[in-house]
Amino acid sequence: TTKPFVHEYWEEVFLFSGDLIVGNDEQGNGGESFKPNTYACRPPGVYHGPFKSVTGCLLMEIHYFDPA
């Protein structure tokens, strides 16, 4: 992605393999690099991204709405 975004649901992410860079600029520079076995949980309303990967990655994302 090239711009941060937000959504109204919970998101859990687990990075199995490869690399994932989060928070780079629109040209793909900068950001924080994550390695395999990284877990993240984002509540609704949290801006996140952009994302990129140098080598590619395998990750699992779970999205769900709060039942309350």
C-alpha atoms as a PDB file:
ATOM      1  CA  THR A   1       0.000   0.000   0.000  1.00  0.00           C
ATOM      2  CA  THR A   2       1.108   3.588  -0.444  1.00  0.00           C
ATOM      3  CA  LYS A   3      -0.997   5.430   2.153  1.00  0.00           C
ATOM      4  CA  PRO A   4      -2.052   4.758   5.756  1.00  0.00           C
ATOM      5  CA  PHE A   5      -5.621   3.562   6.204  1.00  0.00           C
ATOM      6  CA  VAL A   6      -8.131   2.761   8.925  1.00  0.00           C
ATOM      7  CA  HIS A   7     -11.028   0.312   9.252  1.00  0.00           C
ATOM      8  CA  GLU A   8     -13.892  -0.314  11.673  1.00  0.00           C
ATOM      9  CA  TYR A   9     -12.994  -3.894  12.658  1.00  0.00           C
ATOM     10  CA  TRP A  10     -10.358  -5.626  14.777  1.00  0.00           C
ATOM     11  CA  GLU A  11      -7.395  -7.052  12.911  1.00  0.00           C
ATOM     12  CA  GLU A  12      -4.895  -9.648  14.120  1.00  0.00           C
ATOM     13  CA  VAL A  13      -1.838 -10.442  11.995  1.00  0.00           C
ATOM     14  CA  PHE A  14       0.823 -13.135  12.322  1.00  0.00           C
ATOM     15  CA  LEU A  15       3.910 -13.061  10.076  1.00  0.00           C
ATOM     16  CA  PHE A  16       5.003 -16.642   9.322  1.00  0.00           C
ATOM     17  CA  SER A  17       7.894 -16.014   6.939  1.00  0.00           C
ATOM     18  CA  GLY A  18       9.652 -13.328   4.939  1.00  0.00           C
ATOM     19  CA  ASP A  19       9.793  -9.665   5.854  1.00  0.00           C
ATOM     20  CA  LEU A  20       7.183  -6.956   6.310  1.00  0.00           C
ATOM     21  CA  ILE A  21       7.942  -3.249   6.504  1.00  0.00           C
ATOM     22  CA  VAL A  22       5.273  -1.042   8.071  1.00  0.00           C
ATOM     23  CA  GLY A  23       5.042   2.736   7.948  1.00  0.00           C
ATOM     24  CA  ASN A  24       7.161   3.452   4.878  1.00  0.00           C
ATOM     25  CA  ASP A  25       6.490   6.620   2.876  1.00  0.00           C
ATOM     26  CA  GLU A  26       4.746   6.746  -0.524  1.00  0.00           C
ATOM     27  CA  GLN A  27       8.068   6.041  -2.261  1.00  0.00           C
ATOM     28  CA  GLY A  28       8.670   2.934  -0.116  1.00  0.00           C
ATOM     29  CA  ASN A  29      11.391   4.483   2.047  1.00  0.00           C
ATOM     30  CA  GLY A  30      11.719   4.101   5.808  1.00  0.00           C
ATOM     31  CA  GLY A  31       9.327   2.206   8.027  1.00  0.00           C
ATOM     32  CA  GLU A  32       9.786  -0.441  10.700  1.00  0.00           C
ATOM     33  CA  SER A  33      10.908  -3.910   9.593  1.00  0.00           C
ATOM     34  CA  PHE A  34       9.365  -7.063  11.060  1.00  0.00           C
ATOM     35  CA  LYS A  35      10.678 -10.630  10.875  1.00  0.00           C
ATOM     36  CA  PRO A  36       8.935 -14.036  11.093  1.00  0.00           C
ATOM     37  CA  ASN A  37       6.976 -14.925  14.239  1.00  0.00           C
ATOM     38  CA  THR A  38       5.730 -11.360  14.692  1.00  0.00           C
ATOM     39  CA  TYR A  39       2.174 -10.830  15.964  1.00  0.00           C
ATOM     40  CA  ALA A  40       0.172  -7.592  15.809  1.00  0.00           C
ATOM     41  CA  CYS A  41      -3.327  -6.689  16.962  1.00  0.00           C
ATOM     42  CA  ARG A  42      -5.000  -3.488  15.789  1.00  0.00           C
ATOM     43  CA  PRO A  43      -8.276  -2.254  17.272  1.00  0.00           C
ATOM     44  CA  PRO A  44     -10.884  -0.460  15.153  1.00  0.00           C
ATOM     45  CA  GLY A  45     -10.037   3.128  14.255  1.00  0.00           C
ATOM     46  CA  VAL A  46      -6.228   2.769  14.258  1.00  0.00           C
ATOM     47  CA  TYR A  47      -4.386   4.154  11.232  1.00  0.00           C
ATOM     48  CA  HIS A  48      -1.709   1.763   9.954  1.00  0.00           C
ATOM     49  CA  GLY A  49       0.400   1.180   6.871  1.00  0.00           C
ATOM     50  CA  PRO A  50       1.707   1.672   4.308  1.00  0.00           C
ATOM     51  CA  PHE A  51       3.173  -1.808   3.926  1.00  0.00           C
ATOM     52  CA  LYS A  52       5.851  -3.342   1.739  1.00  0.00           C
ATOM     53  CA  SER A  53       8.028  -6.448   1.600  1.00  0.00           C
ATOM     54  CA  VAL A  54      11.478  -6.834   0.038  1.00  0.00           C
ATOM     55  CA  THR A  55      11.517 -10.655  -0.184  1.00  0.00           C
ATOM     56  CA  GLY A  56       7.783 -11.342   0.027  1.00  0.00           C
ATOM     57  CA  CYS A  57       5.970 -12.674   3.062  1.00  0.00           C
ATOM     58  CA  LEU A  58       3.442 -15.197   4.254  1.00  0.00           C
ATOM     59  CA  LEU A  59       1.071 -13.855   6.870  1.00  0.00           C
ATOM     60  CA  MET A  60      -2.324 -14.628   8.310  1.00  0.00           C
ATOM     61  CA  GLU A  61      -4.855 -11.872   8.966  1.00  0.00           C
ATOM     62  CA  ILE A  62      -8.004 -12.315  11.005  1.00  0.00           C
ATOM     63  CA  HIS A  63     -10.660  -9.578  10.889  1.00  0.00           C
ATOM     64  CA  TYR A  64     -13.648  -9.415  13.204  1.00  0.00           C
ATOM     65  CA  PHE A  65     -16.207  -6.994  14.619  1.00  0.00           C
ATOM     66  CA  ASP A  66     -16.707  -6.489  18.345  1.00  0.00           C
ATOM     67  CA  PRO A  67     -19.953  -8.295  19.230  1.00  0.00           C
ATOM     68  CA  ALA A  68     -20.799  -5.744  21.967  1.00  0.00           C
END
